[in-house]
Amino acid sequence: MNGVLSLDDIRLSGKRVLYRVDINSPLHPETGAFLDDGRLRAITPTLSALSDAKVVILGHQSRPGRSDFTDLSGHADRISRILGRPIKFIPDVCGELAIDAIRSMNNGEILCLDNVRMHAEENSLKKAGLEDLRLSQIVSNLAPEFDAYVTDAFAAAHRNSPTLTGFADDLPCIAGRLMEREISALQTAVTAPPRPYVVILGGAKADDSFRVAQNLIERGVVDTIAFVGVVGNMVLWVNGTDIGEGNKEFIRTTLGDDFDTAWSMAQELFQNHSELLFVPSDVAVEIDGERVAKQVDELPVPHPIYDIGLQTLMRLRPIMMNAGCVLWNGPASYFEKPAFAFGTIEILNMCTETAAMTIVGGGHTSALVNSRGVGDKVTHNSTGGGACLQMLCGDKMPVIEALTHSAKKFS
């Protein structure tokens, strides 16, 4: 893998391994039960590969001040049940309790330390350079206790903190099985996808979607970019369709300060690359709680546009079936409302039916793949929402840069 150490490069049997994961999961607001444990299941291949090492898990859940900010005892228990092996939870990050537990480990044992965001440094050193991160209590206390650092925290790969990037000078930093798969699939999506390459961009983060489109067009790798969901509504608006005041206001509010940037990016895409763009020809709006089909030329309407229409899906289908690679990021609809799930679920069905290489990204779309049990029917289902988008935009990824830095030093 490009400039990064993998588990195949270093023997870790009998070694002490610090394992950073991103197991940040949606939890039920009242019971705290896992609503989706896809990220916990995604780390089991690495834990299996490290079965005869001493493994200490570092992870986070939410952030201070939020209702789902909890310790990791429930995560440890859930991973233990998925893996079928005991995992001991230690209610400490890098203090005496944690160090004593680490020093008394036997081969094959797994410990899970507490939510790293309960330690002030993890939240306060986000802009720190490597030297300051090394001096943090977390890194200076933990690094001497380990032989290697393994990371599968791809969903946080666009972030910087002591536990994510701080060990690069002190320990060989290695990509776990999940990180390796994520980097490989998304590098393919950005640099060398099988052609024809069809990219479907949805959801509400229009500015991010337009940056992904710009990056792929500049690289000359994409053949069709389909805009759906709120992004699709904005693209219709930019291209001269009046989508109605309510829908315009929703887009303005959602994008906030990024609205003007997104608007000019969309205009630029239409002016210079309209031949690559696929836009909805019909939509579904909500009238008195019901789904009502509308052709785009019947707009504006005072009702919210919540889905793409059947005609749009029928136009998209042959394009996806004839693709060499399909990338899908972001839902096509307000799919939490059953009447408007149709467009999103049909795109998911097409992803599972096409013979193309299929890469699904984004928090909502990825969770949908898990909840419908079709993870084995797509080539790659990314665990990273924001990280996936940033990699597709061609942005710097601090965790991947730290892995590359460490590989140069230790290989």
Protein backbone atom coordinates (compact mmCIF):
# COMPACT_ATOMS: atom_id res chain seq x y z
CA MET A 1 0.00 0.00 0.00
CA ASN A 2 1.31 3.45 -0.98
CA GLY A 3 3.92 4.45 1.61
CA VAL A 4 2.03 2.97 4.59
CA LEU A 5 2.91 -0.05 6.75
CA SER A 6 0.30 -2.84 6.91
CA LEU A 7 -0.16 -5.82 9.23
CA ASP A 8 1.58 -7.95 6.59
CA ASP A 9 4.80 -5.94 6.94
CA ILE A 10 5.46 -6.43 10.68
CA ARG A 11 5.11 -9.50 12.92
CA LEU A 12 3.14 -8.53 16.01
CA SER A 13 2.75 -11.94 17.63
CA GLY A 14 3.53 -11.61 21.35
CA LYS A 15 3.92 -7.83 21.01
CA ARG A 16 2.16 -5.05 22.94
CA VAL A 17 -0.13 -3.26 20.46
CA LEU A 18 -1.97 0.02 20.98
CA TYR A 19 -5.01 -0.14 18.69
CA ARG A 20 -6.83 3.14 17.84
CA VAL A 21 -10.31 2.63 16.41
CA ASP A 22 -13.30 4.78 15.52
CA ILE A 23 -16.27 3.00 17.11
CA ASN A 24 -18.32 6.19 17.46
CA SER A 25 -21.85 4.81 17.01
CA PRO A 26 -25.45 6.05 16.95
CA LEU A 27 -27.04 5.26 20.33
CA HIS A 28 -30.69 5.20 21.36
CA PRO A 29 -31.34 8.53 23.17
CA GLU A 30 -33.18 6.88 26.09
CA THR A 31 -31.70 3.40 26.48
CA GLY A 32 -28.18 3.97 25.12
CA ALA A 33 -28.57 0.81 22.98
CA PHE A 34 -26.63 0.61 19.71
CA LEU A 35 -28.76 1.64 16.73
CA ASP A 36 -26.01 0.54 14.30
CA ASP A 37 -22.94 -1.49 15.33
CA GLY A 38 -21.34 -1.51 11.86
CA ARG A 39 -18.20 0.26 13.04
CA LEU A 40 -17.73 -2.27 15.85
CA ARG A 41 -18.07 -5.19 13.45
CA ALA A 42 -15.65 -3.52 11.02
CA ILE A 43 -12.68 -3.81 13.45
CA THR A 44 -12.99 -7.58 14.01
CA PRO A 45 -10.69 -8.59 11.09
CA THR A 46 -7.82 -6.64 12.68
CA LEU A 47 -8.54 -8.02 16.17
CA SER A 48 -8.51 -11.53 14.68
CA ALA A 49 -5.17 -10.81 12.97
CA LEU A 50 -3.79 -9.67 16.36
CA SER A 51 -5.17 -12.68 18.26
CA ASP A 52 -1.81 -13.64 19.77
CA ALA A 53 -0.70 -10.11 20.71
CA LYS A 54 -1.50 -7.99 23.79
CA VAL A 55 -4.03 -5.52 22.39
CA VAL A 56 -5.18 -2.29 24.04
CA ILE A 57 -8.09 -0.51 22.34
CA LEU A 58 -8.30 3.29 22.24
CA GLY A 59 -11.52 4.85 20.94
CA HIS A 60 -14.04 7.63 21.33
CA GLN A 61 -17.81 8.08 21.51
CA SER A 62 -19.38 11.44 20.60
CA ARG A 63 -17.94 14.55 22.27
CA PRO A 64 -18.30 16.38 25.62
CA GLY A 65 -21.66 18.09 26.10
CA ARG A 66 -23.67 15.77 23.86
CA SER A 67 -26.30 13.36 25.14
CA ASP A 68 -24.54 10.31 23.61
CA PHE A 69 -21.15 11.13 25.20
CA THR A 70 -20.55 8.00 27.31
CA ASP A 71 -17.78 5.76 28.58
CA LEU A 72 -16.78 2.77 26.41
CA SER A 73 -17.91 -0.02 28.75
CA GLY A 74 -20.91 -0.80 26.50
CA HIS A 75 -18.68 -0.75 23.40
CA ALA A 76 -16.23 -3.17 25.02
CA ASP A 77 -19.07 -5.52 25.91
CA ARG A 78 -20.57 -5.36 22.41
CA ILE A 79 -17.21 -5.98 20.66
CA SER A 80 -16.58 -8.88 23.06
CA ARG A 81 -19.89 -10.49 22.06
CA ILE A 82 -19.29 -9.91 18.32
CA LEU A 83 -15.74 -11.32 18.56
CA GLY A 84 -16.55 -14.15 20.99
CA ARG A 85 -13.57 -13.21 23.20
CA PRO A 86 -13.42 -11.46 26.60
CA ILE A 87 -12.51 -7.77 26.59
CA LYS A 88 -11.73 -6.04 29.86
CA PHE A 89 -12.86 -2.42 30.19
CA ILE A 90 -10.57 -0.04 32.12
CA PRO A 91 -12.24 3.24 33.23
CA ASP A 92 -9.06 5.28 32.53
CA VAL A 93 -7.23 6.62 29.46
CA CYS A 94 -3.56 7.01 30.41
CA GLY A 95 -3.32 7.18 34.20
CA GLU A 96 -2.06 4.72 36.81
CA LEU A 97 -5.09 2.44 36.48
CA ALA A 98 -4.55 2.08 32.72
CA ILE A 99 -0.75 1.61 32.97
CA ASP A 100 -1.06 -1.07 35.70
CA ALA A 101 -3.66 -2.98 33.64
CA ILE A 102 -1.47 -2.80 30.51
CA ARG A 103 1.62 -4.08 32.36
CA SER A 104 -0.23 -7.08 33.76
CA MET A 105 -1.55 -8.32 30.38
CA ASN A 106 -0.91 -11.78 28.91
CA ASN A 107 -0.62 -12.71 25.22
CA GLY A 108 -4.02 -12.89 23.53
CA GLU A 109 -5.69 -10.53 26.01
CA ILE A 110 -7.63 -7.43 24.93
CA LEU A 111 -8.20 -4.34 27.06
CA CYS A 112 -10.43 -1.39 26.16
CA LEU A 113 -9.46 1.94 27.71
CA ASP A 114 -12.03 4.66 28.33
CA ASN A 115 -13.42 7.22 25.86
CA VAL A 116 -10.30 9.23 24.89
CA ARG A 117 -12.41 12.39 24.60
CA MET A 118 -12.87 12.25 28.37
CA HIS A 119 -9.22 13.36 28.52
CA ALA A 120 -8.88 17.13 28.02
CA GLU A 121 -5.82 16.85 25.74
CA GLU A 122 -7.68 14.84 23.10
CA ASN A 123 -10.03 17.78 22.63
CA SER A 124 -7.64 20.71 23.15
CA LEU A 125 -4.70 19.70 20.90
CA LYS A 126 -6.56 19.43 17.58
CA LYS A 127 -4.33 22.00 15.89
CA ALA A 128 -1.07 20.91 17.55
CA GLY A 129 1.98 19.80 15.59
CA LEU A 130 3.66 16.41 16.07
CA GLU A 131 6.15 17.69 18.67
CA ASP A 132 3.40 19.09 20.92
CA LEU A 133 1.33 15.93 20.48
CA ARG A 134 4.35 13.82 21.55
CA LEU A 135 4.68 15.89 24.73
CA SER A 136 1.04 15.30 25.67
CA GLN A 137 0.34 13.18 28.74
CA ILE A 138 -1.55 10.64 26.59
CA VAL A 139 1.39 9.97 24.24
CA SER A 140 4.21 10.30 26.78
CA ASN A 141 2.45 7.93 29.23
CA LEU A 142 1.29 5.30 26.73
CA ALA A 143 4.04 5.17 24.08
CA PRO A 144 6.72 3.53 26.34
CA GLU A 145 4.31 0.69 27.15
CA PHE A 146 3.93 -0.51 23.53
CA ASP A 147 5.86 -2.06 20.65
CA ALA A 148 3.54 -0.84 17.89
CA TYR A 149 0.51 1.35 17.16
CA VAL A 150 -2.19 0.07 14.80
CA THR A 151 -5.01 2.28 13.53
CA ASP A 152 -8.38 1.52 12.00
CA ALA A 153 -9.76 4.99 12.87
CA PHE A 154 -10.50 5.85 9.25
CA ALA A 155 -13.72 7.67 10.13
CA ALA A 156 -11.55 10.17 12.06
CA ALA A 157 -8.66 10.18 9.55
CA HIS A 158 -9.38 13.81 8.63
CA ARG A 159 -8.78 14.86 12.25
CA ASN A 160 -5.69 15.56 14.37
CA SER A 161 -5.26 14.69 18.08
CA PRO A 162 -2.83 12.91 20.44
CA THR A 163 -4.42 9.46 20.00
CA LEU A 164 -4.90 9.82 16.23
CA THR A 165 -1.58 11.26 15.05
CA GLY A 166 0.66 11.67 18.11
CA PHE A 167 2.49 8.32 18.11
CA ALA A 168 4.07 8.66 14.63
CA ASP A 169 7.61 9.36 15.93
CA ASP A 170 7.59 6.98 18.91
CA LEU A 171 6.09 3.74 17.55
CA PRO A 172 5.82 2.00 14.18
CA CYS A 173 2.33 3.12 13.07
CA ILE A 174 0.51 0.49 11.04
CA ALA A 175 -2.73 0.50 9.05
CA GLY A 176 -5.15 -2.14 10.31
CA ARG A 177 -7.26 -4.25 7.94
CA LEU A 178 -10.09 -1.70 7.88
CA MET A 179 -7.80 1.30 7.30
CA GLU A 180 -6.00 -0.61 4.55
CA ARG A 181 -9.30 -1.41 2.77
CA GLU A 182 -10.55 2.17 3.10
CA ILE A 183 -7.35 3.73 1.72
CA SER A 184 -7.19 1.22 -1.13
CA ALA A 185 -10.84 1.60 -2.22
CA LEU A 186 -10.94 5.39 -1.97
CA GLN A 187 -7.57 5.83 -3.69
CA THR A 188 -9.03 3.75 -6.54
CA ALA A 189 -12.15 5.96 -6.57
CA VAL A 190 -10.03 9.11 -6.84
CA THR A 191 -7.14 8.06 -9.07
CA ALA A 192 -7.87 4.94 -11.15
CA PRO A 193 -11.53 3.80 -11.18
CA PRO A 194 -12.65 1.25 -13.79
CA ARG A 195 -14.52 3.15 -16.54
CA PRO A 196 -17.20 4.22 -17.25
CA TYR A 197 -17.16 5.84 -13.80
CA VAL A 198 -20.52 6.96 -12.40
CA VAL A 199 -20.62 9.12 -9.26
CA ILE A 200 -23.90 9.69 -7.38
CA LEU A 201 -23.81 12.56 -4.90
CA GLY A 202 -26.73 13.22 -2.55
CA GLY A 203 -27.56 14.22 1.00
CA ALA A 204 -27.53 17.81 2.21
CA LYS A 205 -23.79 18.71 2.23
CA ALA A 206 -23.94 20.38 -1.19
CA ASP A 207 -20.60 22.20 -0.79
CA ASP A 208 -18.77 18.92 -0.09
CA SER A 209 -20.51 17.20 -3.01
CA PHE A 210 -19.45 19.96 -5.42
CA ARG A 211 -15.85 19.74 -4.15
CA VAL A 212 -15.86 15.97 -4.79
CA ALA A 213 -17.23 16.62 -8.31
CA GLN A 214 -14.59 19.27 -9.02
CA ASN A 215 -11.74 17.03 -7.82
CA LEU A 216 -12.81 14.03 -9.92
CA ILE A 217 -13.39 16.20 -13.02
CA GLU A 218 -9.99 17.88 -12.63
CA ARG A 219 -8.38 14.44 -12.43
CA GLY A 220 -10.18 13.41 -15.63
CA VAL A 221 -11.46 10.14 -14.17
CA VAL A 222 -15.27 10.56 -14.16
CA ASP A 223 -17.90 9.99 -16.90
CA THR A 224 -21.22 10.84 -15.19
CA ILE A 225 -21.99 12.77 -12.00
CA ALA A 226 -25.60 12.36 -10.81
CA PHE A 227 -26.89 14.84 -8.23
CA VAL A 228 -29.78 13.65 -6.04
CA GLY A 229 -31.32 14.57 -2.68
CA VAL A 230 -30.94 18.13 -1.39
CA VAL A 231 -27.83 18.52 -3.58
CA GLY A 232 -29.97 17.59 -6.60
CA ASN A 233 -32.54 20.22 -5.59
CA MET A 234 -29.81 22.86 -5.38
CA VAL A 235 -28.42 21.87 -8.77
CA LEU A 236 -31.89 22.27 -10.32
CA TRP A 237 -32.15 25.72 -8.70
CA VAL A 238 -28.71 26.84 -9.91
CA ASN A 239 -29.63 25.66 -13.42
CA GLY A 240 -32.70 27.91 -13.54
CA THR A 241 -35.53 25.81 -12.07
CA ASP A 242 -37.63 27.58 -9.44
CA ILE A 243 -37.86 24.91 -6.71
CA GLY A 244 -40.12 26.99 -4.43
CA GLU A 245 -39.33 29.33 -1.54
CA GLY A 246 -39.53 26.66 1.18
CA ASN A 247 -37.00 24.40 -0.57
CA LYS A 248 -34.69 27.34 -1.29
CA GLU A 249 -34.82 28.45 2.34
CA PHE A 250 -34.02 24.92 3.55
CA ILE A 251 -30.89 24.86 1.37
CA ARG A 252 -29.83 28.35 2.51
CA THR A 253 -30.28 27.41 6.17
CA THR A 254 -28.53 24.03 5.81
CA LEU A 255 -25.47 25.52 4.10
CA GLY A 256 -25.32 28.72 6.16
CA ASP A 257 -22.04 30.55 5.49
CA ASP A 258 -21.07 27.99 2.81
CA PHE A 259 -24.07 28.82 0.60
CA ASP A 260 -22.35 31.36 -1.68
CA THR A 261 -19.33 29.08 -2.20
CA ALA A 262 -21.55 26.12 -3.03
CA TRP A 263 -23.61 28.23 -5.45
CA SER A 264 -20.56 29.44 -7.39
CA MET A 265 -19.08 25.91 -7.52
CA ALA A 266 -22.36 24.57 -8.94
CA GLN A 267 -22.49 27.38 -11.51
CA GLU A 268 -18.92 26.60 -12.58
CA LEU A 269 -19.78 22.90 -12.99
CA PHE A 270 -22.71 23.77 -15.28
CA GLN A 271 -20.77 26.32 -17.31
CA ASN A 272 -17.77 24.07 -17.97
CA HIS A 273 -18.87 20.44 -17.54
CA SER A 274 -22.62 20.21 -18.19
CA GLU A 275 -22.09 17.15 -20.45
CA LEU A 276 -21.01 15.11 -17.38
CA LEU A 277 -23.91 16.14 -15.15
CA PHE A 278 -27.09 14.12 -14.55
CA VAL A 279 -29.94 16.04 -12.86
CA PRO A 280 -33.40 14.90 -11.73
CA SER A 281 -36.24 15.18 -14.28
CA ASP A 282 -38.98 14.46 -11.74
CA VAL A 283 -39.36 14.63 -7.96
CA ALA A 284 -41.73 13.66 -5.15
CA VAL A 285 -43.17 16.29 -2.83
CA GLU A 286 -45.13 15.96 0.41
CA ILE A 287 -48.71 17.28 0.28
CA ASP A 288 -50.86 16.69 3.40
CA GLY A 289 -48.54 13.88 4.50
CA GLU A 290 -48.77 12.09 1.12
CA ARG A 291 -46.18 11.44 -1.58
CA VAL A 292 -47.09 13.30 -4.79
CA ALA A 293 -45.11 12.98 -8.05
CA LYS A 294 -44.14 16.15 -9.94
CA GLN A 295 -42.25 16.69 -13.18
CA VAL A 296 -39.45 19.25 -12.77
CA ASP A 297 -41.23 21.52 -15.28
CA GLU A 298 -44.27 21.57 -12.93
CA LEU A 299 -42.20 23.34 -10.27
CA PRO A 300 -42.29 25.56 -8.24
CA VAL A 301 -44.59 24.16 -5.58
CA PRO A 302 -44.96 25.39 -1.99
CA HIS A 303 -44.37 21.85 -0.70
CA PRO A 304 -41.09 20.22 0.40
CA ILE A 305 -39.25 18.13 -2.22
CA TYR A 306 -38.36 14.92 -0.40
CA ASP A 307 -37.34 12.43 -3.12
CA ILE A 308 -36.36 11.95 -6.75
CA GLY A 309 -39.02 10.50 -9.04
CA LEU A 310 -39.50 7.25 -10.96
CA GLN A 311 -38.51 8.75 -14.33
CA THR A 312 -35.19 9.96 -12.87
CA LEU A 313 -34.50 6.46 -11.50
CA MET A 314 -35.35 4.86 -14.87
CA ARG A 315 -32.88 7.22 -16.60
CA LEU A 316 -30.20 6.44 -13.99
CA ARG A 317 -30.58 2.65 -14.10
CA PRO A 318 -28.93 1.90 -17.52
CA ILE A 319 -26.07 4.28 -16.68
CA MET A 320 -25.38 2.34 -13.46
CA MET A 321 -25.82 -1.06 -15.08
CA ASN A 322 -23.24 -0.21 -17.79
CA ALA A 323 -20.72 1.33 -15.37
CA GLY A 324 -17.27 -0.04 -14.58
CA CYS A 325 -17.31 1.70 -11.19
CA VAL A 326 -20.07 3.37 -9.14
CA LEU A 327 -19.40 5.70 -6.22
CA TRP A 328 -22.44 6.68 -4.12
CA ASN A 329 -22.26 9.22 -1.30
CA GLY A 330 -25.39 10.64 0.35
CA PRO A 331 -29.09 9.69 0.23
CA ALA A 332 -31.43 10.63 -2.62
CA SER A 333 -34.34 11.42 -0.33
CA TYR A 334 -35.72 12.08 3.13
CA PHE A 335 -35.57 8.32 3.54
CA GLU A 336 -36.42 8.28 7.25
CA LYS A 337 -40.01 9.01 6.11
CA PRO A 338 -41.25 5.67 4.68
CA ALA A 339 -43.20 7.33 1.84
CA PHE A 340 -39.99 8.98 0.62
CA ALA A 341 -37.46 6.16 1.05
CA PHE A 342 -38.12 4.90 -2.49
CA GLY A 343 -35.40 6.80 -4.39
CA THR A 344 -32.64 6.03 -1.91
CA ILE A 345 -33.55 2.34 -1.64
CA GLU A 346 -33.79 1.98 -5.44
CA ILE A 347 -30.27 3.43 -5.84
CA LEU A 348 -29.05 0.98 -3.20
CA ASN A 349 -30.76 -1.86 -5.12
CA MET A 350 -29.03 -0.77 -8.34
CA CYS A 351 -25.68 -0.71 -6.49
CA THR A 352 -26.25 -4.34 -5.46
CA GLU A 353 -27.39 -5.40 -8.96
CA THR A 354 -24.76 -3.78 -11.18
CA ALA A 355 -21.64 -5.76 -12.13
CA ALA A 356 -19.59 -2.60 -11.53
CA MET A 357 -17.16 -2.05 -8.69
CA THR A 358 -19.36 -0.29 -6.09
CA ILE A 359 -18.10 2.07 -3.38
CA VAL A 360 -20.62 3.45 -0.87
CA GLY A 361 -19.67 6.32 1.44
CA GLY A 362 -21.27 8.82 3.79
CA GLY A 363 -22.77 8.19 7.22
CA HIS A 364 -26.42 7.77 6.18
CA THR A 365 -25.82 5.70 3.04
CA SER A 366 -23.28 3.48 4.78
CA ALA A 367 -25.66 2.83 7.71
CA LEU A 368 -28.43 1.96 5.24
CA VAL A 369 -26.19 -0.70 3.63
CA ASN A 370 -25.66 -2.20 7.12
CA SER A 371 -29.31 -2.00 8.19
CA ARG A 372 -30.52 -3.70 5.01
CA GLY A 373 -27.88 -6.42 5.31
CA VAL A 374 -26.34 -5.92 1.85
CA GLY A 375 -22.76 -5.16 2.88
CA ASP A 376 -21.58 -8.28 1.03
CA LYS A 377 -23.27 -7.09 -2.20
CA VAL A 378 -21.22 -3.89 -2.57
CA THR A 379 -17.47 -3.86 -3.19
CA HIS A 380 -16.70 -1.41 -0.39
CA ASN A 381 -18.90 0.21 2.26
CA SER A 382 -16.92 3.04 3.85
CA THR A 383 -17.12 3.55 7.62
CA GLY A 384 -16.10 7.21 7.26
CA GLY A 385 -18.62 10.00 6.63
CA GLY A 386 -16.62 13.23 6.71
CA ALA A 387 -13.32 11.38 6.22
CA CYS A 388 -14.62 9.65 3.10
CA LEU A 389 -15.78 12.99 1.65
CA GLN A 390 -12.46 14.71 2.42
CA MET A 391 -10.48 11.93 0.77
CA LEU A 392 -12.73 12.11 -2.30
CA CYS A 393 -12.19 15.90 -2.35
CA GLY A 394 -8.42 15.31 -2.47
CA ASP A 395 -7.85 17.01 0.92
CA LYS A 396 -4.99 16.22 3.31
CA MET A 397 -5.75 13.46 5.81
CA PRO A 398 -3.70 13.89 9.04
CA VAL A 399 -3.99 10.22 10.11
CA ILE A 400 -2.81 8.95 6.72
CA GLU A 401 0.01 11.52 6.73
CA ALA A 402 1.04 10.28 10.21
CA LEU A 403 1.06 6.67 8.92
CA THR A 404 3.26 7.73 5.98
CA HIS A 405 5.62 9.68 8.26
CA SER A 406 5.97 6.72 10.62
CA ALA A 407 6.55 4.25 7.76
CA LYS A 408 9.48 6.36 6.53
CA LYS A 409 10.98 6.41 10.02
CA PHE A 410 10.46 2.76 11.02
CA SER A 411 10.59 0.74 7.82
